[in-house]
Full PDB file with SEQRES, HELIX, SHEET, SSBOND, CRYST1, ORIGX, SCALE, CONECT and MASTER records, all heavy atoms in Angstrom:
SEQRES   1 A   42  ASN PRO LEU ASN LYS SER LYS ASP LYS ASN ALA ARG LEU          
SEQRES   2 A   42  GLU MET SER GLU ASN LEU LEU LYS ASN HIS LEU GLN ILE          
SEQRES   3 A   42  GLY MET THR ARG GLN GLN THR ARG LYS LEU LEU GLY GLU          
SEQRES   4 A   42  PRO ASP PHE                                                  
HELIX    1 AA1 ALA A   11  ASN A   22  1                                  12    
HELIX    2 AA2 ARG A   30  LEU A   37  1                                   8    
CRYST1    1.000    1.000    1.000  90.00  90.00  90.00 P 1           1          
ORIGX1      1.000000  0.000000  0.000000        0.00000                         
ORIGX2      0.000000  1.000000  0.000000        0.00000                         
ORIGX3      0.000000  0.000000  1.000000        0.00000                         
SCALE1      1.000000  0.000000  0.000000        0.00000                         
SCALE2      0.000000  1.000000  0.000000        0.00000                         
SCALE3      0.000000  0.000000  1.000000        0.00000                         
ATOM      1  N   ASN A   1      98.735 105.092 106.095  1.00  0.00           N  
ATOM      2  CA  ASN A   1      97.936 104.635 107.232  1.00  0.00           C  
ATOM      3  C   ASN A   1      97.592 105.800 108.147  1.00  0.00           C  
ATOM      4  O   ASN A   1      97.971 105.823 109.315  1.00  0.00           O  
ATOM      5  CB  ASN A   1      98.698 103.554 108.011  1.00  0.00           C  
ATOM      6  CG  ASN A   1      98.782 102.270 107.246  1.00  0.00           C  
ATOM      7  OD1 ASN A   1      97.832 101.506 107.201  1.00  0.00           O  
ATOM      8  ND2 ASN A   1      99.918 102.045 106.608  1.00  0.00           N  
ATOM      9  N   PRO A   2      96.818 106.765 107.624  1.00  0.00           N  
ATOM     10  CA  PRO A   2      96.470 107.928 108.447  1.00  0.00           C  
ATOM     11  C   PRO A   2      95.432 107.597 109.510  1.00  0.00           C  
ATOM     12  O   PRO A   2      95.033 106.445 109.657  1.00  0.00           O  
ATOM     13  CB  PRO A   2      95.916 108.914 107.425  1.00  0.00           C  
ATOM     14  CG  PRO A   2      95.316 108.044 106.382  1.00  0.00           C  
ATOM     15  CD  PRO A   2      96.209 106.836 106.316  1.00  0.00           C  
ATOM     16  N   LEU A   3      95.007 108.640 110.194  1.00  0.00           N  
ATOM     17  CA  LEU A   3      94.027 108.630 111.257  1.00  0.00           C  
ATOM     18  C   LEU A   3      93.398 107.271 111.562  1.00  0.00           C  
ATOM     19  O   LEU A   3      92.634 106.729 110.798  1.00  0.00           O  
ATOM     20  CB  LEU A   3      92.916 109.625 110.917  1.00  0.00           C  
ATOM     21  CG  LEU A   3      91.894 109.897 112.001  1.00  0.00           C  
ATOM     22  CD1 LEU A   3      92.563 110.543 113.198  1.00  0.00           C  
ATOM     23  CD2 LEU A   3      90.806 110.799 111.477  1.00  0.00           C  
ATOM     24  N   ASN A   4      93.768 106.746 112.718  1.00  0.00           N  
ATOM     25  CA  ASN A   4      93.190 105.494 113.188  1.00  0.00           C  
ATOM     26  C   ASN A   4      92.915 105.678 114.662  1.00  0.00           C  
ATOM     27  O   ASN A   4      93.787 105.490 115.490  1.00  0.00           O  
ATOM     28  CB  ASN A   4      94.146 104.324 112.947  1.00  0.00           C  
ATOM     29  CG  ASN A   4      93.569 103.002 113.419  1.00  0.00           C  
ATOM     30  OD1 ASN A   4      92.467 102.946 113.956  1.00  0.00           O  
ATOM     31  ND2 ASN A   4      94.312 101.939 113.231  1.00  0.00           N  
ATOM     32  N   LYS A   5      91.687 106.052 114.997  1.00  0.00           N  
ATOM     33  CA  LYS A   5      91.326 106.287 116.391  1.00  0.00           C  
ATOM     34  C   LYS A   5      90.847 105.014 117.089  1.00  0.00           C  
ATOM     35  O   LYS A   5      90.531 105.042 118.259  1.00  0.00           O  
ATOM     36  CB  LYS A   5      90.235 107.348 116.483  1.00  0.00           C  
ATOM     37  CG  LYS A   5      90.720 108.732 116.141  1.00  0.00           C  
ATOM     38  CD  LYS A   5      89.631 109.739 116.354  1.00  0.00           C  
ATOM     39  CE  LYS A   5      90.106 111.130 116.050  1.00  0.00           C  
ATOM     40  NZ  LYS A   5      89.052 112.123 116.219  1.00  0.00           N  
ATOM     41  N   SER A   6      90.806 103.915 116.375  1.00  0.00           N  
ATOM     42  CA  SER A   6      90.357 102.674 116.999  1.00  0.00           C  
ATOM     43  C   SER A   6      91.459 102.122 117.889  1.00  0.00           C  
ATOM     44  O   SER A   6      92.594 102.591 117.868  1.00  0.00           O  
ATOM     45  CB  SER A   6      89.998 101.636 115.929  1.00  0.00           C  
ATOM     46  OG  SER A   6      91.174 101.117 115.344  1.00  0.00           O  
ATOM     47  N   LYS A   7      91.136 101.148 118.667  1.00  0.00           N  
ATOM     48  CA  LYS A   7      92.119 100.536 119.547  1.00  0.00           C  
ATOM     49  C   LYS A   7      92.902  99.441 118.827  1.00  0.00           C  
ATOM     50  O   LYS A   7      93.747  98.783 119.407  1.00  0.00           O  
ATOM     51  CB  LYS A   7      91.420  99.964 120.785  1.00  0.00           C  
ATOM     52  CG  LYS A   7      90.643 101.033 121.543  1.00  0.00           C  
ATOM     53  CD  LYS A   7      91.212 101.243 122.891  1.00  0.00           C  
ATOM     54  CE  LYS A   7      90.350 102.206 123.667  1.00  0.00           C  
ATOM     55  NZ  LYS A   7      90.992 103.396 124.051  1.00  0.00           N  
ATOM     56  N   ASP A   8      92.593  99.228 117.539  1.00  0.00           N  
ATOM     57  CA  ASP A   8      93.312  98.222 116.766  1.00  0.00           C  
ATOM     58  C   ASP A   8      94.745  98.679 116.518  1.00  0.00           C  
ATOM     59  O   ASP A   8      95.011  99.855 116.318  1.00  0.00           O  
ATOM     60  CB  ASP A   8      92.632  97.983 115.417  1.00  0.00           C  
ATOM     61  CG  ASP A   8      91.235  97.424 115.564  1.00  0.00           C  
ATOM     62  OD1 ASP A   8      90.977  96.752 116.575  1.00  0.00           O  
ATOM     63  OD2 ASP A   8      90.405  97.674 114.668  1.00  0.00           O  
ATOM     64  N   LYS A   9      95.645  97.733 116.507  1.00  0.00           N  
ATOM     65  CA  LYS A   9      97.032  98.034 116.214  1.00  0.00           C  
ATOM     66  C   LYS A   9      97.129  98.477 114.756  1.00  0.00           C  
ATOM     67  O   LYS A   9      96.455  97.934 113.896  1.00  0.00           O  
ATOM     68  CB  LYS A   9      97.854  96.769 116.445  1.00  0.00           C  
ATOM     69  CG  LYS A   9      99.296  97.008 116.693  1.00  0.00           C  
ATOM     70  CD  LYS A   9      99.943  95.713 117.126  1.00  0.00           C  
ATOM     71  CE  LYS A   9     101.265  95.985 117.756  1.00  0.00           C  
ATOM     72  NZ  LYS A   9     101.917  94.764 118.174  1.00  0.00           N  
ATOM     73  N   ASN A  10      97.937  99.470 114.498  1.00  0.00           N  
ATOM     74  CA  ASN A  10      98.107  99.897 113.121  1.00  0.00           C  
ATOM     75  C   ASN A  10      99.584 100.057 112.791  1.00  0.00           C  
ATOM     76  O   ASN A  10     100.445 100.001 113.656  1.00  0.00           O  
ATOM     77  CB  ASN A  10      97.304 101.163 112.833  1.00  0.00           C  
ATOM     78  CG  ASN A  10      97.820 102.383 113.569  1.00  0.00           C  
ATOM     79  OD1 ASN A  10      98.943 102.406 114.050  1.00  0.00           O  
ATOM     80  ND2 ASN A  10      97.009 103.411 113.638  1.00  0.00           N  
ATOM     81  N   ALA A  11      99.839 100.268 111.513  1.00  0.00           N  
ATOM     82  CA  ALA A  11     101.220 100.354 111.038  1.00  0.00           C  
ATOM     83  C   ALA A  11     101.977 101.508 111.692  1.00  0.00           C  
ATOM     84  O   ALA A  11     103.160 101.377 112.004  1.00  0.00           O  
ATOM     85  CB  ALA A  11     101.238 100.494 109.522  1.00  0.00           C  
ATOM     86  N   ARG A  12     101.298 102.628 111.909  1.00  0.00           N  
ATOM     87  CA  ARG A  12     101.977 103.770 112.534  1.00  0.00           C  
ATOM     88  C   ARG A  12     102.430 103.436 113.950  1.00  0.00           C  
ATOM     89  O   ARG A  12     103.535 103.784 114.347  1.00  0.00           O  
ATOM     90  CB  ARG A  12     101.048 104.983 112.568  1.00  0.00           C  
ATOM     91  CG  ARG A  12     100.891 105.667 111.241  1.00  0.00           C  
ATOM     92  CD  ARG A  12     100.053 106.914 111.380  1.00  0.00           C  
ATOM     93  NE  ARG A  12     100.073 107.698 110.168  1.00  0.00           N  
ATOM     94  CZ  ARG A  12      99.530 108.898 110.068  1.00  0.00           C  
ATOM     95  NH1 ARG A  12      98.919 109.447 111.101  1.00  0.00           N  
ATOM     96  NH2 ARG A  12      99.594 109.555 108.940  1.00  0.00           N  
ATOM     97  N   LEU A  13     101.595 102.780 114.703  1.00  0.00           N  
ATOM     98  CA  LEU A  13     101.943 102.418 116.076  1.00  0.00           C  
ATOM     99  C   LEU A  13     103.163 101.514 116.096  1.00  0.00           C  
ATOM    100  O   LEU A  13     104.082 101.705 116.882  1.00  0.00           O  
ATOM    101  CB  LEU A  13     100.760 101.731 116.767  1.00  0.00           C  
ATOM    102  CG  LEU A  13     101.000 101.265 118.197  1.00  0.00           C  
ATOM    103  CD1 LEU A  13     101.208 102.460 119.124  1.00  0.00           C  
ATOM    104  CD2 LEU A  13      99.832 100.424 118.681  1.00  0.00           C  
ATOM    105  N   GLU A  14     103.187 100.549 115.206  1.00  0.00           N  
ATOM    106  CA  GLU A  14     104.264  99.559 115.191  1.00  0.00           C  
ATOM    107  C   GLU A  14     105.630 100.162 114.873  1.00  0.00           C  
ATOM    108  O   GLU A  14     106.646  99.629 115.281  1.00  0.00           O  
ATOM    109  CB  GLU A  14     103.935  98.449 114.198  1.00  0.00           C  
ATOM    110  CG  GLU A  14     102.723  97.650 114.612  1.00  0.00           C  
ATOM    111  CD  GLU A  14     102.277  96.651 113.578  1.00  0.00           C  
ATOM    112  OE1 GLU A  14     102.745  96.714 112.419  1.00  0.00           O  
ATOM    113  OE2 GLU A  14     101.444  95.796 113.920  1.00  0.00           O  
ATOM    114  N   MET A  15     105.663 101.274 114.155  1.00  0.00           N  
ATOM    115  CA  MET A  15     106.960 101.876 113.816  1.00  0.00           C  
ATOM    116  C   MET A  15     107.230 103.181 114.558  1.00  0.00           C  
ATOM    117  O   MET A  15     108.237 103.839 114.335  1.00  0.00           O  
ATOM    118  CB  MET A  15     107.089 102.059 112.309  1.00  0.00           C  
ATOM    119  CG  MET A  15     106.084 102.939 111.667  1.00  0.00           C  
ATOM    120  SD  MET A  15     106.368 103.006 109.886  1.00  0.00           S  
ATOM    121  CE  MET A  15     104.692 102.869 109.313  1.00  0.00           C  
ATOM    122  N   SER A  16     106.347 103.548 115.479  1.00  0.00           N  
ATOM    123  CA  SER A  16     106.483 104.845 116.149  1.00  0.00           C  
ATOM    124  C   SER A  16     107.705 104.929 117.056  1.00  0.00           C  
ATOM    125  O   SER A  16     108.328 105.979 117.166  1.00  0.00           O  
ATOM    126  CB  SER A  16     105.209 105.184 116.917  1.00  0.00           C  
ATOM    127  OG  SER A  16     104.936 104.209 117.897  1.00  0.00           O  
ATOM    128  N   GLU A  17     108.075 103.849 117.717  1.00  0.00           N  
ATOM    129  CA  GLU A  17     109.254 103.870 118.589  1.00  0.00           C  
ATOM    130  C   GLU A  17     110.514 104.118 117.764  1.00  0.00           C  
ATOM    131  O   GLU A  17     111.362 104.929 118.119  1.00  0.00           O  
ATOM    132  CB  GLU A  17     109.364 102.565 119.374  1.00  0.00           C  
ATOM    133  CG  GLU A  17     110.513 102.550 120.344  1.00  0.00           C  
ATOM    134  CD  GLU A  17     110.542 101.304 121.221  1.00  0.00           C  
ATOM    135  OE1 GLU A  17     109.747 100.380 121.008  1.00  0.00           O  
ATOM    136  OE2 GLU A  17     111.383 101.265 122.124  1.00  0.00           O  
ATOM    137  N   ASN A  18     110.620 103.430 116.638  1.00  0.00           N  
ATOM    138  CA  ASN A  18     111.771 103.612 115.762  1.00  0.00           C  
ATOM    139  C   ASN A  18     111.815 105.034 115.210  1.00  0.00           C  
ATOM    140  O   ASN A  18     112.866 105.661 115.153  1.00  0.00           O  
ATOM    141  CB  ASN A  18     111.724 102.586 114.625  1.00  0.00           C  
ATOM    142  CG  ASN A  18     112.904 102.703 113.696  1.00  0.00           C  
ATOM    143  OD1 ASN A  18     112.837 103.425 112.707  1.00  0.00           O  
ATOM    144  ND2 ASN A  18     113.972 102.010 114.015  1.00  0.00           N  
ATOM    145  N   LEU A  19     110.660 105.557 114.842  1.00  0.00           N  
ATOM    146  CA  LEU A  19     110.566 106.927 114.346  1.00  0.00           C  
ATOM    147  C   LEU A  19     111.035 107.914 115.408  1.00  0.00           C  
ATOM    148  O   LEU A  19     111.844 108.803 115.134  1.00  0.00           O  
ATOM    149  CB  LEU A  19     109.114 107.229 113.947  1.00  0.00           C  
ATOM    150  CG  LEU A  19     108.767 108.669 113.606  1.00  0.00           C  
ATOM    151  CD1 LEU A  19     109.542 109.136 112.385  1.00  0.00           C  
ATOM    152  CD2 LEU A  19     107.270 108.799 113.371  1.00  0.00           C  
ATOM    153  N   LEU A  20     110.551 107.755 116.615  1.00  0.00           N  
ATOM    154  CA  LEU A  20     110.892 108.650 117.715  1.00  0.00           C  
ATOM    155  C   LEU A  20     112.394 108.644 118.001  1.00  0.00           C  
ATOM    156  O   LEU A  20     113.014 109.688 118.158  1.00  0.00           O  
ATOM    157  CB  LEU A  20     110.111 108.243 118.965  1.00  0.00           C  
ATOM    158  CG  LEU A  20     110.206 109.160 120.165  1.00  0.00           C  
ATOM    159  CD1 LEU A  20     109.380 110.412 119.936  1.00  0.00           C  
ATOM    160  CD2 LEU A  20     109.697 108.444 121.399  1.00  0.00           C  
ATOM    161  N   LYS A  21     112.972 107.466 118.035  1.00  0.00           N  
ATOM    162  CA  LYS A  21     114.389 107.337 118.402  1.00  0.00           C  
ATOM    163  C   LYS A  21     115.361 107.666 117.277  1.00  0.00           C  
ATOM    164  O   LYS A  21     116.454 108.166 117.540  1.00  0.00           O  
ATOM    165  CB  LYS A  21     114.667 105.900 118.867  1.00  0.00           C  
ATOM    166  CG  LYS A  21     114.053 105.557 120.189  1.00  0.00           C  
ATOM    167  CD  LYS A  21     114.393 104.115 120.561  1.00  0.00           C  
ATOM    168  CE  LYS A  21     113.851 103.751 121.919  1.00  0.00           C  
ATOM    169  NZ  LYS A  21     114.162 102.345 122.270  1.00  0.00           N  
ATOM    170  N   ASN A  22     114.976 107.383 116.032  1.00  0.00           N  
ATOM    171  CA  ASN A  22     115.955 107.422 114.954  1.00  0.00           C  
ATOM    172  C   ASN A  22     115.716 108.433 113.842  1.00  0.00           C  
ATOM    173  O   ASN A  22     116.604 108.638 113.017  1.00  0.00           O  
ATOM    174  CB  ASN A  22     116.065 106.035 114.312  1.00  0.00           C  
ATOM    175  CG  ASN A  22     116.493 104.984 115.307  1.00  0.00           C  
ATOM    176  OD1 ASN A  22     117.451 105.175 116.046  1.00  0.00           O  
ATOM    177  ND2 ASN A  22     115.768 103.885 115.364  1.00  0.00           N  
ATOM    178  N   HIS A  23     114.542 109.038 113.778  1.00  0.00           N  
ATOM    179  CA  HIS A  23     114.248 109.893 112.633  1.00  0.00           C  
ATOM    180  C   HIS A  23     113.855 111.321 112.981  1.00  0.00           C  
ATOM    181  O   HIS A  23     113.998 112.209 112.150  1.00  0.00           O  
ATOM    182  CB  HIS A  23     113.154 109.260 111.768  1.00  0.00           C  
ATOM    183  CG  HIS A  23     113.560 107.942 111.209  1.00  0.00           C  
ATOM    184  ND1 HIS A  23     114.273 107.819 110.040  1.00  0.00           N  
ATOM    185  CD2 HIS A  23     113.382 106.678 111.676  1.00  0.00           C  
ATOM    186  CE1 HIS A  23     114.507 106.537 109.805  1.00  0.00           C  
ATOM    187  NE2 HIS A  23     113.980 105.835 110.777  1.00  0.00           N  
ATOM    188  N   LEU A  24     113.339 111.546 114.160  1.00  0.00           N  
ATOM    189  CA  LEU A  24     112.948 112.899 114.571  1.00  0.00           C  
ATOM    190  C   LEU A  24     113.972 113.441 115.557  1.00  0.00           C  
ATOM    191  O   LEU A  24     114.234 112.826 116.583  1.00  0.00           O  
ATOM    192  CB  LEU A  24     111.561 112.883 115.221  1.00  0.00           C  
ATOM    193  CG  LEU A  24     110.406 112.571 114.283  1.00  0.00           C  
ATOM    194  CD1 LEU A  24     109.127 112.386 115.076  1.00  0.00           C  
ATOM    195  CD2 LEU A  24     110.241 113.666 113.246  1.00  0.00           C  
ATOM    196  N   GLN A  25     114.524 114.580 115.228  1.00  0.00           N  
ATOM    197  CA  GLN A  25     115.555 115.181 116.069  1.00  0.00           C  
ATOM    198  C   GLN A  25     115.066 116.514 116.632  1.00  0.00           C  
ATOM    199  O   GLN A  25     114.455 117.311 115.910  1.00  0.00           O  
ATOM    200  CB  GLN A  25     116.832 115.411 115.256  1.00  0.00           C  
ATOM    201  CG  GLN A  25     117.382 114.161 114.586  1.00  0.00           C  
ATOM    202  CD  GLN A  25     117.704 113.059 115.569  1.00  0.00           C  
ATOM    203  OE1 GLN A  25     118.238 113.312 116.647  1.00  0.00           O  
ATOM    204  NE2 GLN A  25     117.372 111.822 115.217  1.00  0.00           N  
ATOM    205  N   ILE A  26     115.347 116.743 117.901  1.00  0.00           N  
ATOM    206  CA  ILE A  26     115.041 118.037 118.503  1.00  0.00           C  
ATOM    207  C   ILE A  26     115.730 119.117 117.659  1.00  0.00           C  
ATOM    208  O   ILE A  26     116.884 118.962 117.259  1.00  0.00           O  
ATOM    209  CB  ILE A  26     115.529 118.090 119.970  1.00  0.00           C  
ATOM    210  CG1 ILE A  26     114.805 117.025 120.811  1.00  0.00           C  
ATOM    211  CG2 ILE A  26     115.373 119.486 120.563  1.00  0.00           C  
ATOM    212  CD1 ILE A  26     113.295 117.181 120.885  1.00  0.00           C  
ATOM    213  N   GLY A  27     115.012 120.199 117.374  1.00  0.00           N  
ATOM    214  CA  GLY A  27     115.546 121.284 116.558  1.00  0.00           C  
ATOM    215  C   GLY A  27     115.078 121.242 115.113  1.00  0.00           C  
ATOM    216  O   GLY A  27     115.248 122.223 114.381  1.00  0.00           O  
ATOM    217  N   MET A  28     114.482 120.108 114.693  1.00  0.00           N  
ATOM    218  CA  MET A  28     113.930 120.056 113.339  1.00  0.00           C  
ATOM    219  C   MET A  28     112.815 121.090 113.229  1.00  0.00           C  
ATOM    220  O   MET A  28     112.168 121.429 114.218  1.00  0.00           O  
ATOM    221  CB  MET A  28     113.343 118.671 113.039  1.00  0.00           C  
ATOM    222  CG  MET A  28     114.367 117.574 112.880  1.00  0.00           C  
ATOM    223  SD  MET A  28     113.605 115.943 112.607  1.00  0.00           S  
ATOM    224  CE  MET A  28     113.104 116.070 110.899  1.00  0.00           C  
ATOM    225  N   THR A  29     112.580 121.584 112.034  1.00  0.00           N  
ATOM    226  CA  THR A  29     111.492 122.529 111.832  1.00  0.00           C  
ATOM    227  C   THR A  29     110.179 121.771 111.634  1.00  0.00           C  
ATOM    228  O   THR A  29     110.176 120.580 111.290  1.00  0.00           O  
ATOM    229  CB  THR A  29     111.731 123.408 110.591  1.00  0.00           C  
ATOM    230  OG1 THR A  29     111.707 122.573 109.422  1.00  0.00           O  
ATOM    231  CG2 THR A  29     113.046 124.165 110.694  1.00  0.00           C  
ATOM    232  N   ARG A  30     109.087 122.467 111.870  1.00  0.00           N  
ATOM    233  CA  ARG A  30     107.759 121.873 111.632  1.00  0.00           C  
ATOM    234  C   ARG A  30     107.661 121.432 110.164  1.00  0.00           C  
ATOM    235  O   ARG A  30     107.111 120.375 109.858  1.00  0.00           O  
ATOM    236  CB  ARG A  30     106.666 122.867 111.977  1.00  0.00           C  
ATOM    237  CG  ARG A  30     105.284 122.352 111.665  1.00  0.00           C  
ATOM    238  CD  ARG A  30     104.196 123.271 112.163  1.00  0.00           C  
ATOM    239  NE  ARG A  30     103.733 122.757 113.432  1.00  0.00           N  
ATOM    240  CZ  ARG A  30     103.532 123.469 114.516  1.00  0.00           C  
ATOM    241  NH1 ARG A  30     103.751 124.758 114.508  1.00  0.00           N  
ATOM    242  NH2 ARG A  30     103.100 122.920 115.615  1.00  0.00           N  
ATOM    243  N   GLN A  31     108.205 122.232 109.263  1.00  0.00           N  
ATOM    244  CA  GLN A  31     108.171 121.897 107.841  1.00  0.00           C  
ATOM    245  C   GLN A  31     108.902 120.572 107.583  1.00  0.00           C  
ATOM    246  O   GLN A  31     108.431 119.734 106.807  1.00  0.00           O  
ATOM    247  CB  GLN A  31     108.798 123.029 107.025  1.00  0.00           C  
ATOM    248  CG  GLN A  31     108.762 122.807 105.539  1.00  0.00           C  
ATOM    249  CD  GLN A  31     109.350 123.969 104.759  1.00  0.00           C  
ATOM    250  OE1 GLN A  31     109.941 124.892 105.307  1.00  0.00           O  
ATOM    251  NE2 GLN A  31     109.192 123.933 103.453  1.00  0.00           N  
ATOM    252  N   GLN A  32     110.042 120.364 108.230  1.00  0.00           N  
ATOM    253  CA  GLN A  32     110.785 119.119 108.059  1.00  0.00           C  
ATOM    254  C   GLN A  32     110.002 117.919 108.592  1.00  0.00           C  
ATOM    255  O   GLN A  32     109.986 116.864 107.955  1.00  0.00           O  
ATOM    256  CB  GLN A  32     112.137 119.203 108.777  1.00  0.00           C  
ATOM    257  CG  GLN A  32     113.118 120.133 108.117  1.00  0.00           C  
ATOM    258  CD  GLN A  32     114.366 120.334 108.968  1.00  0.00           C  
ATOM    259  OE1 GLN A  32     114.290 120.584 110.175  1.00  0.00           O  
ATOM    260  NE2 GLN A  32     115.526 120.247 108.326  1.00  0.00           N  
ATOM    261  N   THR A  33     109.376 118.075 109.757  1.00  0.00           N  
ATOM    262  CA  THR A  33     108.626 116.948 110.319  1.00  0.00           C  
ATOM    263  C   THR A  33     107.410 116.627 109.467  1.00  0.00           C  
ATOM    264  O   THR A  33     107.083 115.462 109.269  1.00  0.00           O  
ATOM    265  CB  THR A  33     108.212 117.188 111.785  1.00  0.00           C  
ATOM    266  OG1 THR A  33     107.326 118.304 111.865  1.00  0.00           O  
ATOM    267  CG2 THR A  33     109.432 117.398 112.671  1.00  0.00           C  
ATOM    268  N   ARG A  34     106.758 117.652 108.945  1.00  0.00           N  
ATOM    269  CA  ARG A  34     105.581 117.408 108.096  1.00  0.00           C  
ATOM    270  C   ARG A  34     105.964 116.827 106.743  1.00  0.00           C  
ATOM    271  O   ARG A  34     105.197 116.080 106.146  1.00  0.00           O  
ATOM    272  CB  ARG A  34     104.759 118.677 107.942  1.00  0.00           C  
ATOM    273  CG  ARG A  34     104.032 119.017 109.233  1.00  0.00           C  
ATOM    274  CD  ARG A  34     103.103 120.175 109.058  1.00  0.00           C  
ATOM    275  NE  ARG A  34     102.398 120.459 110.310  1.00  0.00           N  
ATOM    276  CZ  ARG A  34     101.527 121.433 110.443  1.00  0.00           C  
ATOM    277  NH1 ARG A  34     101.245 122.214 109.412  1.00  0.00           N  
ATOM    278  NH2 ARG A  34     100.928 121.632 111.600  1.00  0.00           N  
ATOM    279  N   LYS A  35     107.133 117.166 106.259  1.00  0.00           N  
ATOM    280  CA  LYS A  35     107.613 116.541 105.015  1.00  0.00           C  
ATOM    281  C   LYS A  35     107.809 115.042 105.244  1.00  0.00           C  
ATOM    282  O   LYS A  35     107.508 114.232 104.371  1.00  0.00           O  
ATOM    283  CB  LYS A  35     108.913 117.194 104.557  1.00  0.00           C  
ATOM    284  CG  LYS A  35     109.428 116.668 103.249  1.00  0.00           C  
ATOM    285  CD  LYS A  35     110.670 117.395 102.778  1.00  0.00           C  
ATOM    286  CE  LYS A  35     111.133 116.828 101.450  1.00  0.00           C  
ATOM    287  NZ  LYS A  35     112.361 117.467 100.981  1.00  0.00           N  
ATOM    288  N   LEU A  36     108.280 114.686 106.412  1.00  0.00           N  
ATOM    289  CA  LEU A  36     108.511 113.283 106.754  1.00  0.00           C  
ATOM    290  C   LEU A  36     107.209 112.545 107.070  1.00  0.00           C  
ATOM    291  O   LEU A  36     107.000 111.418 106.614  1.00  0.00           O  
ATOM    292  CB  LEU A  36     109.445 113.218 107.975  1.00  0.00           C  
ATOM    293  CG  LEU A  36     109.860 111.843 108.467  1.00  0.00           C  
ATOM    294  CD1 LEU A  36     110.713 111.127 107.421  1.00  0.00           C  
ATOM    295  CD2 LEU A  36     110.621 111.969 109.780  1.00  0.00           C  
ATOM    296  N   LEU A  37     106.309 113.189 107.830  1.00  0.00           N  
ATOM    297  CA  LEU A  37     105.122 112.507 108.362  1.00  0.00           C  
ATOM    298  C   LEU A  37     103.802 112.883 107.698  1.00  0.00           C  
ATOM    299  O   LEU A  37     102.783 112.255 107.974  1.00  0.00           O  
ATOM    300  CB  LEU A  37     104.996 112.802 109.866  1.00  0.00           C  
ATOM    301  CG  LEU A  37     106.188 112.449 110.726  1.00  0.00           C  
ATOM    302  CD1 LEU A  37     105.962 112.884 112.150  1.00  0.00           C  
ATOM    303  CD2 LEU A  37     106.472 110.957 110.641  1.00  0.00           C  
ATOM    304  N   GLY A  38     103.801 113.900 106.889  1.00  0.00           N  
ATOM    305  CA  GLY A  38     102.551 114.387 106.322  1.00  0.00           C  
ATOM    306  C   GLY A  38     101.859 115.320 107.304  1.00  0.00           C  
ATOM    307  O   GLY A  38     102.362 115.593 108.394  1.00  0.00           O  
ATOM    308  N   GLU A  39     100.712 115.829 106.913  1.00  0.00           N  
ATOM    309  CA  GLU A  39      99.948 116.729 107.772  1.00  0.00           C  
ATOM    310  C   GLU A  39      99.471 115.990 109.017  1.00  0.00           C  
ATOM    311  O   GLU A  39      99.074 114.821 108.939  1.00  0.00           O  
ATOM    312  CB  GLU A  39      98.751 117.299 107.020  1.00  0.00           C  
ATOM    313  CG  GLU A  39      99.131 118.266 105.913  1.00  0.00           C  
ATOM    314  CD  GLU A  39      99.833 119.510 106.427  1.00  0.00           C  
ATOM    315  OE1 GLU A  39      99.354 120.125 107.406  1.00  0.00           O  
ATOM    316  OE2 GLU A  39     100.871 119.876 105.849  1.00  0.00           O  
ATOM    317  N   PRO A  40      99.481 116.644 110.164  1.00  0.00           N  
ATOM    318  CA  PRO A  40      99.022 115.979 111.393  1.00  0.00           C  
ATOM    319  C   PRO A  40      97.506 115.770 111.372  1.00  0.00           C  
ATOM    320  O   PRO A  40      96.785 116.431 110.625  1.00  0.00           O  
ATOM    321  CB  PRO A  40      99.429 116.959 112.493  1.00  0.00           C  
ATOM    322  CG  PRO A  40      99.495 118.283 111.809  1.00  0.00           C  
ATOM    323  CD  PRO A  40      99.925 118.015 110.398  1.00  0.00           C  
ATOM    324  N   ASP A  41      97.058 114.856 112.210  1.00  0.00           N  
ATOM    325  CA  ASP A  41      95.626 114.609 112.344  1.00  0.00           C  
ATOM    326  C   ASP A  41      94.944 115.743 113.086  1.00  0.00           C  
ATOM    327  O   ASP A  41      93.767 116.010 112.874  1.00  0.00           O  
ATOM    328  CB  ASP A  41      95.392 113.283 113.082  1.00  0.00           C  
ATOM    329  CG  ASP A  41      95.975 112.107 112.322  1.00  0.00           C  
ATOM    330  OD1 ASP A  41      95.769 112.041 111.095  1.00  0.00           O  
ATOM    331  OD2 ASP A  41      96.642 111.267 112.948  1.00  0.00           O  
ATOM    332  N   PHE A  42      95.701 116.406 113.956  1.00  0.00           N  
ATOM    333  CA  PHE A  42      95.156 117.496 114.759  1.00  0.00           C  
ATOM    334  C   PHE A  42      96.299 118.415 115.160  1.00  0.00           C  
ATOM    335  O   PHE A  42      97.397 117.951 115.446  1.00  0.00           O  
ATOM    336  CB  PHE A  42      94.470 116.930 116.014  1.00  0.00           C  
ATOM    337  CG  PHE A  42      93.935 117.973 116.941  1.00  0.00           C  
ATOM    338  CD1 PHE A  42      92.771 118.660 116.641  1.00  0.00           C  
ATOM    339  CD2 PHE A  42      94.598 118.288 118.117  1.00  0.00           C  
ATOM    340  CE1 PHE A  42      92.277 119.640 117.497  1.00  0.00           C  
ATOM    341  CE2 PHE A  42      94.112 119.260 118.981  1.00  0.00           C  
ATOM    342  CZ  PHE A  42      92.945 119.934 118.666  1.00  0.00           C  
TER     343      PHE A  42                                                      
MASTER        0    0    0    2    0    0    0    6  342    1    0    4          
END                                                                             
């Protein structure tokens, strides 16, 4: 469910709080975050 600039709710939005709290840790490398999330939109 990549790039969704519309105001419609999407799958990424619905799981973003859980991702922020439970899967991304301060100190992770950019490579680790991109392995988890894929390439950023920007």
